[in-house]
Amino acid sequence: VRIPNLFYFLGKPLKHGIYNPNAAEIRMVRSGRWDYPCEKGFHHGVSVGGKVIRFTNAYKHFNVNSISEWFLKTNQYTEHDAKKNYKQKSSRKGLAFFDAFRFFVKHYFFKGGFLDGFHGLVAVFYFMLYHLTLQVKFWEFQYKAGLVKNEDYLDPIEGSKR
């Protein structure tokens, strides 16, 4: 069953900007007929073998409950995706900041993030940083591939995981 979600950010439901009114995720599955391919990266969703129906009523998706949680999740997700995909992805290092700026303009002005007030501004800004962080991590892993560990750099300090 695919269920739409009401996207909450820091305790407020967002209805514009980064919110997608058509977003719906598979949340109910038949036993033995599904796969969760998160090893390919976060946000890839559940895969099912069979028919998928869609509910009309939404559930509350509490995406981020604090800025501290946002930083933990962003670091965990971008680190995982960058490590798994840096060989296949282009870092777009020359365009990373332009892409981030374009993301902000698109979601804040054109998709109406400003209509969600200060929550909308913060949400669009932080999701812009998420995408910028991922691009910079792609570049970082590609750059480090040509360096010698313990001579040119040290392993980073591990942070908390959610």
N, C-alpha and C. Protein backbone atom coordinates (compact mmCIF):
# COMPACT_ATOMS: atom_id res chain seq x y z
N VAL A 1 0.84 -1.18 0.00
CA VAL A 1 0.00 0.00 0.00
C VAL A 1 0.89 1.24 0.00
N ARG A 2 0.62 2.13 -0.91
CA ARG A 2 1.33 3.41 -0.98
C ARG A 2 0.48 4.44 -0.23
N ILE A 3 1.12 5.11 0.74
CA ILE A 3 0.39 6.05 1.58
C ILE A 3 1.01 7.44 1.44
N PRO A 4 0.21 8.46 1.11
CA PRO A 4 0.74 9.82 1.04
C PRO A 4 1.20 10.28 2.42
N ASN A 5 2.08 11.28 2.44
CA ASN A 5 2.53 11.77 3.73
C ASN A 5 2.35 13.27 3.86
N LEU A 6 2.11 13.67 5.10
CA LEU A 6 2.07 15.08 5.46
C LEU A 6 3.44 15.37 6.06
N PHE A 7 4.22 16.18 5.39
CA PHE A 7 5.64 16.39 5.69
C PHE A 7 5.81 17.40 6.82
N TYR A 8 6.32 16.94 7.96
CA TYR A 8 6.59 17.81 9.11
C TYR A 8 8.07 18.14 9.17
N PHE A 9 8.36 19.39 9.43
CA PHE A 9 9.74 19.85 9.60
C PHE A 9 9.79 20.73 10.84
N LEU A 10 10.55 20.31 11.84
CA LEU A 10 10.68 21.03 13.11
C LEU A 10 9.31 21.33 13.73
N GLY A 11 8.42 20.33 13.69
CA GLY A 11 7.14 20.45 14.37
C GLY A 11 6.03 21.12 13.58
N LYS A 12 6.26 21.47 12.33
CA LYS A 12 5.23 22.14 11.54
C LYS A 12 5.05 21.41 10.22
N PRO A 13 3.80 21.16 9.82
CA PRO A 13 3.60 20.56 8.50
C PRO A 13 3.88 21.59 7.41
N LEU A 14 4.66 21.19 6.42
CA LEU A 14 4.98 22.08 5.30
C LEU A 14 4.07 21.72 4.13
N LYS A 15 3.56 22.74 3.48
CA LYS A 15 2.64 22.53 2.37
C LYS A 15 3.14 23.11 1.06
N HIS A 16 4.35 23.64 1.06
CA HIS A 16 4.92 24.27 -0.13
C HIS A 16 6.42 23.97 -0.16
N GLY A 17 7.15 24.59 -1.07
CA GLY A 17 8.61 24.48 -1.10
C GLY A 17 9.10 23.08 -1.36
N ILE A 18 9.68 22.45 -0.35
CA ILE A 18 10.22 21.11 -0.53
C ILE A 18 9.15 20.03 -0.44
N TYR A 19 7.96 20.39 0.03
CA TYR A 19 6.87 19.42 0.13
C TYR A 19 6.35 19.07 -1.25
N ASN A 20 6.14 17.80 -1.49
CA ASN A 20 5.58 17.34 -2.76
C ASN A 20 4.21 16.73 -2.46
N PRO A 21 3.12 17.38 -2.88
CA PRO A 21 1.79 16.87 -2.58
C PRO A 21 1.49 15.51 -3.21
N ASN A 22 2.27 15.12 -4.19
CA ASN A 22 2.08 13.81 -4.83
C ASN A 22 2.93 12.72 -4.20
N ALA A 23 3.76 13.08 -3.22
CA ALA A 23 4.64 12.11 -2.59
C ALA A 23 3.82 11.07 -1.81
N ALA A 24 4.15 9.84 -2.02
CA ALA A 24 3.52 8.74 -1.30
C ALA A 24 4.52 7.59 -1.26
N GLU A 25 4.61 6.95 -0.12
CA GLU A 25 5.60 5.89 0.06
C GLU A 25 4.91 4.57 0.36
N ILE A 26 5.53 3.49 -0.06
CA ILE A 26 5.00 2.17 0.27
C ILE A 26 5.30 1.92 1.74
N ARG A 27 4.24 1.72 2.52
CA ARG A 27 4.39 1.53 3.97
C ARG A 27 3.78 0.22 4.46
N MET A 28 2.95 -0.40 3.66
CA MET A 28 2.36 -1.69 4.04
C MET A 28 2.65 -2.68 2.92
N VAL A 29 3.22 -3.83 3.28
CA VAL A 29 3.62 -4.82 2.28
C VAL A 29 3.20 -6.22 2.71
N ARG A 30 3.05 -7.07 1.73
CA ARG A 30 2.73 -8.47 2.00
C ARG A 30 4.03 -9.19 2.38
N SER A 31 3.97 -10.02 3.36
CA SER A 31 5.14 -10.75 3.85
C SER A 31 5.80 -11.55 2.72
N GLY A 32 7.13 -11.38 2.61
CA GLY A 32 7.90 -12.12 1.62
C GLY A 32 7.83 -11.58 0.21
N ARG A 33 7.13 -10.49 -0.01
CA ARG A 33 6.95 -9.95 -1.36
C ARG A 33 7.57 -8.56 -1.51
N TRP A 34 8.59 -8.25 -0.69
CA TRP A 34 9.16 -6.91 -0.74
C TRP A 34 10.66 -6.96 -0.50
N ASP A 35 11.31 -5.85 -0.87
CA ASP A 35 12.75 -5.69 -0.68
C ASP A 35 13.00 -4.22 -0.34
N TYR A 36 13.95 -3.98 0.54
CA TYR A 36 14.30 -2.61 0.90
C TYR A 36 15.76 -2.39 0.52
N PRO A 37 16.02 -1.86 -0.66
CA PRO A 37 17.39 -1.77 -1.18
C PRO A 37 18.18 -0.57 -0.64
N CYS A 38 18.20 -0.37 0.67
CA CYS A 38 18.88 0.81 1.22
C CYS A 38 20.39 0.74 1.03
N GLU A 39 20.93 -0.45 0.71
CA GLU A 39 22.37 -0.51 0.47
C GLU A 39 22.74 0.27 -0.79
N LYS A 40 21.77 0.58 -1.63
CA LYS A 40 22.01 1.37 -2.83
C LYS A 40 21.98 2.87 -2.52
N GLY A 41 21.63 3.22 -1.32
CA GLY A 41 21.52 4.62 -0.92
C GLY A 41 20.20 4.86 -0.23
N PHE A 42 20.17 5.89 0.57
CA PHE A 42 18.95 6.21 1.29
C PHE A 42 17.90 6.74 0.32
N HIS A 43 16.67 6.67 0.73
CA HIS A 43 15.53 7.21 -0.01
C HIS A 43 15.26 6.49 -1.32
N HIS A 44 15.61 5.23 -1.40
CA HIS A 44 15.28 4.48 -2.61
C HIS A 44 13.94 3.77 -2.47
N GLY A 45 13.40 3.68 -1.28
CA GLY A 45 12.08 3.12 -1.08
C GLY A 45 12.03 1.61 -1.13
N VAL A 46 10.85 1.11 -0.86
CA VAL A 46 10.59 -0.32 -0.83
C VAL A 46 10.22 -0.79 -2.24
N SER A 47 10.74 -1.95 -2.61
CA SER A 47 10.35 -2.58 -3.88
C SER A 47 9.44 -3.74 -3.54
N VAL A 48 8.38 -3.89 -4.31
CA VAL A 48 7.43 -4.98 -4.05
C VAL A 48 7.21 -5.79 -5.32
N GLY A 49 6.83 -7.05 -5.11
CA GLY A 49 6.44 -7.90 -6.21
C GLY A 49 4.93 -8.04 -6.19
N GLY A 50 4.26 -7.31 -7.04
CA GLY A 50 2.79 -7.38 -7.07
C GLY A 50 2.17 -6.02 -7.22
N LYS A 51 0.87 -6.00 -7.11
CA LYS A 51 0.08 -4.79 -7.30
C LYS A 51 0.23 -3.86 -6.09
N VAL A 52 0.29 -2.55 -6.36
CA VAL A 52 0.38 -1.53 -5.31
C VAL A 52 -0.86 -0.67 -5.40
N ILE A 53 -1.55 -0.53 -4.27
CA ILE A 53 -2.70 0.37 -4.22
C ILE A 53 -2.30 1.61 -3.44
N ARG A 54 -3.07 2.68 -3.61
CA ARG A 54 -2.74 3.97 -2.97
C ARG A 54 -3.88 4.40 -2.07
N PHE A 55 -3.53 4.74 -0.82
CA PHE A 55 -4.51 5.33 0.09
C PHE A 55 -4.64 6.81 -0.24
N THR A 56 -5.76 7.40 0.12
CA THR A 56 -5.94 8.84 -0.11
C THR A 56 -5.60 9.66 1.11
N ASN A 57 -5.78 9.10 2.31
CA ASN A 57 -5.47 9.84 3.54
C ASN A 57 -4.00 9.72 3.87
N ALA A 58 -3.43 10.83 4.31
CA ALA A 58 -1.98 10.90 4.58
C ALA A 58 -1.65 10.54 6.03
N TYR A 59 -0.42 10.10 6.23
CA TYR A 59 0.12 9.92 7.57
C TYR A 59 1.08 11.07 7.85
N LYS A 60 1.38 11.31 9.11
CA LYS A 60 2.31 12.38 9.49
C LYS A 60 3.73 11.85 9.40
N HIS A 61 4.51 12.45 8.52
CA HIS A 61 5.92 12.08 8.35
C HIS A 61 6.77 13.12 9.08
N PHE A 62 7.27 12.75 10.25
CA PHE A 62 8.10 13.65 11.05
C PHE A 62 9.54 13.53 10.56
N ASN A 63 9.85 14.30 9.54
CA ASN A 63 11.14 14.20 8.88
C ASN A 63 12.28 14.62 9.78
N VAL A 64 12.19 15.79 10.37
CA VAL A 64 13.25 16.32 11.21
C VAL A 64 12.61 16.95 12.44
N ASN A 65 13.10 16.56 13.60
CA ASN A 65 12.53 17.07 14.85
C ASN A 65 13.40 18.13 15.52
N SER A 66 14.65 18.25 15.09
CA SER A 66 15.55 19.28 15.62
C SER A 66 16.66 19.52 14.60
N ILE A 67 17.29 20.67 14.70
CA ILE A 67 18.42 20.97 13.80
C ILE A 67 19.56 19.99 14.06
N SER A 68 19.78 19.63 15.32
CA SER A 68 20.83 18.65 15.63
C SER A 68 20.56 17.33 14.92
N GLU A 69 19.31 16.88 14.93
CA GLU A 69 18.96 15.64 14.23
C GLU A 69 19.18 15.80 12.73
N TRP A 70 18.85 16.98 12.20
CA TRP A 70 19.04 17.22 10.77
C TRP A 70 20.51 17.03 10.39
N PHE A 71 21.42 17.60 11.19
CA PHE A 71 22.85 17.46 10.87
C PHE A 71 23.30 16.01 10.97
N LEU A 72 22.82 15.27 11.97
CA LEU A 72 23.20 13.86 12.08
C LEU A 72 22.71 13.06 10.87
N LYS A 73 21.44 13.24 10.51
CA LYS A 73 20.89 12.51 9.37
C LYS A 73 21.58 12.91 8.07
N THR A 74 21.81 14.21 7.88
CA THR A 74 22.46 14.66 6.66
C THR A 74 23.85 14.06 6.53
N ASN A 75 24.61 14.08 7.60
CA ASN A 75 25.95 13.50 7.53
C ASN A 75 25.88 12.00 7.26
N GLN A 76 24.99 11.30 7.95
CA GLN A 76 24.88 9.86 7.76
C GLN A 76 24.44 9.52 6.33
N TYR A 77 23.42 10.17 5.82
CA TYR A 77 22.90 9.85 4.50
C TYR A 77 23.89 10.24 3.39
N THR A 78 24.46 11.44 3.48
CA THR A 78 25.38 11.87 2.43
C THR A 78 26.67 11.05 2.45
N GLU A 79 27.13 10.69 3.62
CA GLU A 79 28.34 9.87 3.72
C GLU A 79 28.10 8.51 3.07
N HIS A 80 26.99 7.90 3.40
CA HIS A 80 26.64 6.59 2.84
C HIS A 80 26.51 6.66 1.31
N ASP A 81 25.73 7.62 0.83
CA ASP A 81 25.52 7.73 -0.61
C ASP A 81 26.79 8.09 -1.36
N ALA A 82 27.62 8.95 -0.80
CA ALA A 82 28.87 9.34 -1.46
C ALA A 82 29.83 8.16 -1.53
N LYS A 83 29.96 7.40 -0.45
CA LYS A 83 30.87 6.24 -0.46
C LYS A 83 30.42 5.19 -1.46
N LYS A 84 29.12 4.97 -1.55
CA LYS A 84 28.61 3.94 -2.45
C LYS A 84 28.64 4.35 -3.91
N ASN A 85 28.52 5.65 -4.19
CA ASN A 85 28.28 6.08 -5.56
C ASN A 85 29.32 7.01 -6.17
N TYR A 86 30.37 7.36 -5.43
CA TYR A 86 31.28 8.38 -5.94
C TYR A 86 31.98 7.97 -7.24
N LYS A 87 32.13 6.67 -7.48
CA LYS A 87 32.81 6.23 -8.71
C LYS A 87 31.90 6.38 -9.93
N GLN A 88 30.58 6.30 -9.71
CA GLN A 88 29.64 6.39 -10.82
C GLN A 88 29.13 7.81 -11.05
N LYS A 89 29.21 8.67 -10.03
CA LYS A 89 28.64 10.01 -10.12
C LYS A 89 29.70 11.05 -10.43
N SER A 90 29.28 12.06 -11.13
CA SER A 90 30.15 13.21 -11.35
C SER A 90 29.97 14.15 -10.17
N SER A 91 31.06 14.72 -9.68
CA SER A 91 30.96 15.60 -8.52
C SER A 91 30.37 16.96 -8.86
N ARG A 92 30.38 17.34 -10.11
CA ARG A 92 29.88 18.65 -10.55
C ARG A 92 30.48 19.77 -9.70
N LYS A 93 31.77 19.61 -9.35
CA LYS A 93 32.39 20.58 -8.44
C LYS A 93 32.34 22.00 -8.97
N GLY A 94 32.40 22.16 -10.25
CA GLY A 94 32.32 23.50 -10.82
C GLY A 94 30.93 24.10 -10.73
N LEU A 95 29.92 23.25 -10.60
CA LEU A 95 28.54 23.72 -10.58
C LEU A 95 27.86 23.52 -9.23
N ALA A 96 28.54 22.94 -8.26
CA ALA A 96 27.90 22.57 -7.00
C ALA A 96 27.22 23.75 -6.31
N PHE A 97 27.90 24.88 -6.23
CA PHE A 97 27.32 26.03 -5.54
C PHE A 97 26.21 26.67 -6.38
N PHE A 98 26.39 26.67 -7.69
CA PHE A 98 25.32 27.17 -8.56
C PHE A 98 24.08 26.28 -8.45
N ASP A 99 24.27 24.95 -8.44
CA ASP A 99 23.15 24.02 -8.29
C ASP A 99 22.43 24.24 -6.96
N ALA A 100 23.20 24.48 -5.90
CA ALA A 100 22.60 24.73 -4.58
C ALA A 100 21.76 26.01 -4.61
N PHE A 101 22.31 27.06 -5.21
CA PHE A 101 21.58 28.32 -5.32
C PHE A 101 20.31 28.13 -6.14
N ARG A 102 20.42 27.40 -7.24
CA ARG A 102 19.25 27.13 -8.10
C ARG A 102 18.19 26.33 -7.34
N PHE A 103 18.62 25.34 -6.53
CA PHE A 103 17.68 24.57 -5.71
C PHE A 103 16.92 25.51 -4.77
N PHE A 104 17.66 26.41 -4.11
CA PHE A 104 17.02 27.34 -3.18
C PHE A 104 16.00 28.21 -3.89
N VAL A 105 16.38 28.82 -4.99
CA VAL A 105 15.47 29.71 -5.73
C VAL A 105 14.23 28.95 -6.19
N LYS A 106 14.43 27.76 -6.74
CA LYS A 106 13.31 26.96 -7.24
C LYS A 106 12.32 26.63 -6.12
N HIS A 107 12.84 26.12 -4.99
CA HIS A 107 11.95 25.64 -3.93
C HIS A 107 11.41 26.76 -3.03
N TYR A 108 12.17 27.81 -2.86
CA TYR A 108 11.70 28.90 -1.98
C TYR A 108 10.78 29.87 -2.72
N PHE A 109 11.16 30.25 -3.92
CA PHE A 109 10.37 31.24 -4.65
C PHE A 109 9.33 30.62 -5.57
N PHE A 110 9.76 29.70 -6.45
CA PHE A 110 8.84 29.16 -7.45
C PHE A 110 7.88 28.11 -6.89
N LYS A 111 8.34 27.29 -5.94
CA LYS A 111 7.47 26.29 -5.35
C LYS A 111 6.81 26.78 -4.06
N GLY A 112 7.05 28.03 -3.72
CA GLY A 112 6.32 28.67 -2.63
C GLY A 112 6.78 28.36 -1.22
N GLY A 113 8.05 28.00 -1.04
CA GLY A 113 8.54 27.75 0.31
C GLY A 113 8.31 28.92 1.25
N PHE A 114 8.31 30.13 0.73
CA PHE A 114 8.09 31.32 1.55
C PHE A 114 6.69 31.31 2.18
N LEU A 115 5.75 30.57 1.60
CA LEU A 115 4.39 30.50 2.14
C LEU A 115 4.33 29.71 3.45
N ASP A 116 5.37 28.92 3.72
CA ASP A 116 5.45 28.18 4.98
C ASP A 116 6.16 28.99 6.07
N GLY A 117 6.39 30.27 5.84
CA GLY A 117 6.98 31.15 6.84
C GLY A 117 8.44 30.81 7.12
N PHE A 118 8.86 31.07 8.36
CA PHE A 118 10.25 30.83 8.73
C PHE A 118 10.60 29.35 8.62
N HIS A 119 9.67 28.46 8.95
CA HIS A 119 9.91 27.02 8.79
C HIS A 119 10.26 26.70 7.33
N GLY A 120 9.55 27.33 6.40
CA GLY A 120 9.80 27.09 4.99
C GLY A 120 11.18 27.57 4.57
N LEU A 121 11.58 28.75 5.07
CA LEU A 121 12.91 29.28 4.78
C LEU A 121 13.99 28.33 5.29
N VAL A 122 13.86 27.92 6.54
CA VAL A 122 14.85 27.03 7.15
C VAL A 122 14.89 25.69 6.42
N ALA A 123 13.72 25.13 6.11
CA ALA A 123 13.66 23.83 5.44
C ALA A 123 14.33 23.89 4.07
N VAL A 124 14.00 24.88 3.27
CA VAL A 124 14.60 24.98 1.93
C VAL A 124 16.10 25.21 2.04
N PHE A 125 16.52 26.06 2.97
CA PHE A 125 17.94 26.33 3.15
C PHE A 125 18.70 25.06 3.54
N TYR A 126 18.16 24.32 4.51
CA TYR A 126 18.87 23.12 4.96
C TYR A 126 18.85 22.00 3.92
N PHE A 127 17.77 21.86 3.17
CA PHE A 127 17.77 20.86 2.12
C PHE A 127 18.68 21.26 0.97
N MET A 128 18.84 22.55 0.74
CA MET A 128 19.83 23.03 -0.22
C MET A 128 21.23 22.61 0.26
N LEU A 129 21.49 22.78 1.55
CA LEU A 129 22.78 22.37 2.11
C LEU A 129 22.98 20.86 2.00
N TYR A 130 21.91 20.11 2.15
CA TYR A 130 22.01 18.66 2.01
C TYR A 130 22.55 18.31 0.62
N HIS A 131 21.94 18.87 -0.41
CA HIS A 131 22.37 18.57 -1.79
C HIS A 131 23.79 19.08 -2.06
N LEU A 132 24.13 20.23 -1.53
CA LEU A 132 25.49 20.75 -1.68
C LEU A 132 26.48 19.83 -0.97
N THR A 133 26.14 19.40 0.24
CA THR A 133 27.01 18.49 1.00
C THR A 133 27.25 17.20 0.24
N LEU A 134 26.22 16.65 -0.37
CA LEU A 134 26.38 15.41 -1.14
C LEU A 134 27.32 15.62 -2.31
N GLN A 135 27.18 16.73 -3.04
CA GLN A 135 28.07 17.01 -4.17
C GLN A 135 29.52 17.18 -3.71
N VAL A 136 29.71 17.87 -2.60
CA VAL A 136 31.06 18.08 -2.09
C VAL A 136 31.66 16.76 -1.62
N LYS A 137 30.84 15.88 -1.04
CA LYS A 137 31.36 14.57 -0.62
C LYS A 137 31.70 13.70 -1.82
N PHE A 138 30.93 13.77 -2.91
CA PHE A 138 31.33 13.06 -4.12
C PHE A 138 32.72 13.52 -4.54
N TRP A 139 32.92 14.84 -4.58
CA TRP A 139 34.23 15.39 -4.95
C TRP A 139 35.30 14.91 -3.97
N GLU A 140 34.99 14.95 -2.66
CA GLU A 140 35.97 14.55 -1.65
C GLU A 140 36.44 13.11 -1.86
N PHE A 141 35.50 12.19 -2.06
CA PHE A 141 35.88 10.79 -2.25
C PHE A 141 36.64 10.58 -3.55
N GLN A 142 36.25 11.30 -4.60
CA GLN A 142 36.98 11.20 -5.86
C GLN A 142 38.40 11.74 -5.71
N TYR A 143 38.53 12.86 -5.00
CA TYR A 143 39.85 13.46 -4.77
C TYR A 143 40.73 12.54 -3.92
N LYS A 144 40.16 11.98 -2.84
CA LYS A 144 40.93 11.12 -1.95
C LYS A 144 41.37 9.82 -2.62
N ALA A 145 40.67 9.43 -3.68
CA ALA A 145 41.04 8.19 -4.38
C ALA A 145 42.46 8.27 -4.92
N GLY A 146 42.96 9.47 -5.17
CA GLY A 146 44.32 9.64 -5.68
C GLY A 146 45.35 9.92 -4.59
N LEU A 147 44.94 9.89 -3.33
CA LEU A 147 45.84 10.17 -2.21
C LEU A 147 46.20 8.89 -1.47
N VAL A 148 47.21 8.98 -0.63
CA VAL A 148 47.66 7.84 0.16
C VAL A 148 47.20 8.05 1.60
N LYS A 149 46.40 7.10 2.09
CA LYS A 149 45.90 7.17 3.46
C LYS A 149 47.06 7.12 4.44
N ASN A 150 46.98 7.89 5.49
CA ASN A 150 47.97 8.03 6.56
C ASN A 150 49.21 8.81 6.14
N GLU A 151 49.32 9.13 4.85
CA GLU A 151 50.38 10.03 4.40
C GLU A 151 49.80 11.37 4.00
N ASP A 152 48.71 11.33 3.23
CA ASP A 152 48.08 12.55 2.74
C ASP A 152 46.85 12.95 3.55
N TYR A 153 46.24 11.99 4.25
CA TYR A 153 45.05 12.27 5.06
C TYR A 153 44.87 11.15 6.08
N LEU A 154 44.05 11.41 7.09
CA LEU A 154 43.68 10.41 8.09
C LEU A 154 42.20 10.11 7.96
N ASP A 155 41.77 8.94 8.45
CA ASP A 155 40.34 8.65 8.46
C ASP A 155 39.63 9.66 9.33
N PRO A 156 38.42 10.07 8.93
CA PRO A 156 37.67 11.04 9.74
C PRO A 156 37.17 10.41 11.04
N ILE A 157 36.87 11.27 11.97
CA ILE A 157 36.30 10.82 13.25
C ILE A 157 34.86 10.44 13.00
N GLU A 158 34.45 9.26 13.48
CA GLU A 158 33.07 8.80 13.29
C GLU A 158 32.13 9.56 14.21
N GLY A 159 31.01 10.00 13.66
CA GLY A 159 29.98 10.69 14.43
C GLY A 159 28.87 9.74 14.82
N SER A 160 27.91 10.26 15.53
CA SER A 160 26.75 9.47 15.96
C SER A 160 25.90 9.08 14.77
N LYS A 161 25.24 7.94 14.88
CA LYS A 161 24.30 7.50 13.86
C LYS A 161 22.90 7.51 14.47
N ARG A 162 21.94 7.78 13.62
CA ARG A 162 20.56 7.80 14.09
C ARG A 162 20.02 6.40 14.14
